[in-house]
Amino acid sequence: MNYSLRQIIGVILWWTEGTKSRKDKRWTNTWNYTVDLTNTNPDIIRLFLEFLRRDIGIDEPRLKLQLQIHEGDNQEDLEAYWARVTQIPFDRFTKTIVRPRGNKIGKSMGTCKIRYCDKETYMKIHFLLKKILELYDEVEL
């Protein structure tokens, strides 16, 4: 099977920068299957969102965004910036986390976390990763 460059990059971004399934400590035998990716680079965030939207076929209204910024940063401007970058409306932003004052006030655009909670989507991406890695194993380097 042939995979597009966007699919390969999207899976690798999730594999390296994303959150994997984990046991929910609050409940016995319960797992969280979130598809999260956190980064400060808007190009990485854009590419991952394009992968989710075009290749995975997510249910757009379930897509969430959370920012982490520092005390002293302009929260309103940074939220507007990431809304433009991601095309995710403000009503799907979760509470912005404001960290103690850092040494780069105004020099960072914050850290953006894309979150999509759905086991079927998680398994789809996980399966795609396995298939791409199998192809890699077949290639003689």
Protein backbone atom coordinates (compact mmCIF):
# COMPACT_ATOMS: atom_id res chain seq x y z
CA MET A 1 0.00 0.00 0.00
CA ASN A 2 1.19 3.53 -0.78
CA TYR A 3 1.11 6.22 1.88
CA SER A 4 1.23 9.93 1.24
CA LEU A 5 4.05 12.04 2.60
CA ARG A 6 1.49 13.84 4.78
CA GLN A 7 0.35 10.52 6.28
CA ILE A 8 3.92 9.46 7.01
CA ILE A 9 4.82 12.81 8.53
CA GLY A 10 1.55 12.97 10.50
CA VAL A 11 2.09 9.53 12.01
CA ILE A 12 5.73 10.28 12.83
CA LEU A 13 4.74 13.57 14.48
CA TRP A 14 2.19 11.75 16.63
CA TRP A 15 4.67 8.95 17.39
CA THR A 16 7.40 11.38 18.51
CA GLU A 17 5.48 14.36 19.90
CA GLY A 18 2.09 12.91 20.79
CA THR A 19 0.48 11.35 23.81
CA LYS A 20 0.01 7.58 23.78
CA SER A 21 -2.69 5.49 25.46
CA ARG A 22 -2.30 5.21 29.19
CA LYS A 23 -4.04 3.57 32.10
CA ASP A 24 -6.45 5.85 33.92
CA LYS A 25 -5.33 5.73 37.55
CA ARG A 26 -8.79 6.68 38.78
CA TRP A 27 -10.45 3.48 37.54
CA THR A 28 -9.56 -0.20 37.35
CA ASN A 29 -8.97 -1.53 33.82
CA THR A 30 -9.70 1.82 32.18
CA TRP A 31 -7.50 3.34 29.50
CA ASN A 32 -7.36 6.80 27.94
CA TYR A 33 -7.01 6.88 24.16
CA THR A 34 -6.36 10.54 23.46
CA VAL A 35 -4.75 11.73 20.26
CA ASP A 36 -2.72 14.67 21.56
CA LEU A 37 0.14 16.58 20.05
CA THR A 38 1.93 19.41 21.86
CA ASN A 39 4.38 21.78 20.22
CA THR A 40 5.42 25.42 19.90
CA ASN A 41 5.99 25.28 16.14
CA PRO A 42 2.92 26.41 14.17
CA ASP A 43 4.01 24.45 11.07
CA ILE A 44 4.09 21.19 13.03
CA ILE A 45 0.66 21.92 14.51
CA ARG A 46 -0.76 22.83 11.07
CA LEU A 47 0.62 19.72 9.40
CA PHE A 48 -0.68 17.44 12.16
CA LEU A 49 -4.13 19.03 11.95
CA GLU A 50 -4.17 18.61 8.17
CA PHE A 51 -3.30 14.93 8.66
CA LEU A 52 -6.14 14.50 11.18
CA ARG A 53 -8.65 16.37 9.04
CA ARG A 54 -7.80 15.01 5.59
CA ASP A 55 -6.39 11.55 6.21
CA ILE A 56 -7.96 10.38 9.46
CA GLY A 57 -11.35 12.04 8.96
CA ILE A 58 -11.95 13.32 12.47
CA ASP A 59 -15.26 14.72 13.71
CA GLU A 60 -14.21 18.38 13.73
CA PRO A 61 -16.43 19.59 16.62
CA ARG A 62 -14.66 17.12 18.95
CA LEU A 63 -11.25 18.67 18.28
CA LYS A 64 -9.95 20.76 21.21
CA LEU A 65 -7.01 23.09 21.79
CA GLN A 66 -5.19 24.11 24.95
CA LEU A 67 -2.45 26.70 25.32
CA GLN A 68 0.31 27.07 27.84
CA ILE A 69 1.74 30.55 28.16
CA HIS A 70 3.72 32.50 30.77
CA GLU A 71 2.66 35.21 33.14
CA GLY A 72 3.15 38.50 31.33
CA ASP A 73 2.29 37.10 27.89
CA ASN A 74 -0.72 38.63 26.16
CA GLN A 75 -3.22 35.78 26.51
CA GLU A 76 -5.84 37.30 24.21
CA ASP A 77 -3.33 37.85 21.38
CA LEU A 78 -1.83 34.37 21.73
CA GLU A 79 -5.25 32.70 21.74
CA ALA A 80 -6.21 34.69 18.62
CA TYR A 81 -2.92 33.68 16.96
CA TRP A 82 -3.47 29.95 17.59
CA ALA A 83 -7.13 30.18 16.55
CA ARG A 84 -5.92 31.53 13.17
CA VAL A 85 -3.15 28.93 12.85
CA THR A 86 -5.38 25.98 13.71
CA GLN A 87 -8.78 27.15 12.43
CA ILE A 88 -10.20 25.98 15.77
CA PRO A 89 -12.79 28.40 17.19
CA PHE A 90 -12.42 29.82 20.71
CA ASP A 91 -15.39 27.84 22.02
CA ARG A 92 -13.30 24.67 21.59
CA PHE A 93 -10.32 26.02 23.52
CA THR A 94 -9.92 24.54 26.97
CA LYS A 95 -8.63 26.69 29.81
CA THR A 96 -5.29 28.32 29.00
CA ILE A 97 -2.57 27.35 31.46
CA VAL A 98 -0.55 30.34 32.66
CA ARG A 99 2.86 29.35 34.00
CA PRO A 100 5.02 31.51 36.28
CA ARG A 101 6.93 34.29 34.56
CA GLY A 102 9.60 32.91 32.27
CA ASN A 103 12.66 34.58 30.80
CA LYS A 104 11.22 34.87 27.28
CA ILE A 105 8.13 37.00 27.86
CA GLY A 106 6.76 38.14 24.51
CA LYS A 107 9.28 36.03 22.56
CA SER A 108 7.23 32.85 22.54
CA MET A 109 3.85 32.22 20.97
CA GLY A 110 3.08 29.71 23.71
CA THR A 111 2.79 25.95 23.57
CA CYS A 112 -0.20 24.55 21.71
CA LYS A 113 -1.79 21.20 22.54
CA ILE A 114 -4.16 19.62 20.05
CA ARG A 115 -6.46 17.08 21.69
CA TYR A 116 -8.88 14.60 20.18
CA CYS A 117 -10.41 11.93 22.43
CA ASP A 118 -11.64 8.88 20.56
CA LYS A 119 -10.47 5.27 20.83
CA GLU A 120 -11.35 4.44 17.21
CA THR A 121 -9.27 7.37 15.94
CA TYR A 122 -6.41 6.45 18.25
CA MET A 123 -6.46 2.86 16.97
CA LYS A 124 -6.61 4.05 13.34
CA ILE A 125 -3.45 6.13 13.81
CA HIS A 126 -1.73 3.39 15.79
CA PHE A 127 -2.52 0.85 13.01
CA LEU A 128 -1.22 3.27 10.36
CA LEU A 129 2.01 3.67 12.33
CA LYS A 130 2.44 -0.12 12.50
CA LYS A 131 1.89 -0.46 8.74
CA ILE A 132 4.38 2.29 7.90
CA LEU A 133 6.97 0.77 10.24
CA GLU A 134 6.45 -2.64 8.59
CA LEU A 135 7.17 -1.04 5.21
CA TYR A 136 10.27 0.56 6.63
CA ASP A 137 11.46 -2.83 7.90
CA GLU A 138 11.05 -4.25 4.37
CA VAL A 139 13.21 -1.55 2.77
CA GLU A 140 16.88 -2.42 2.46
CA LEU A 141 19.01 0.48 3.64
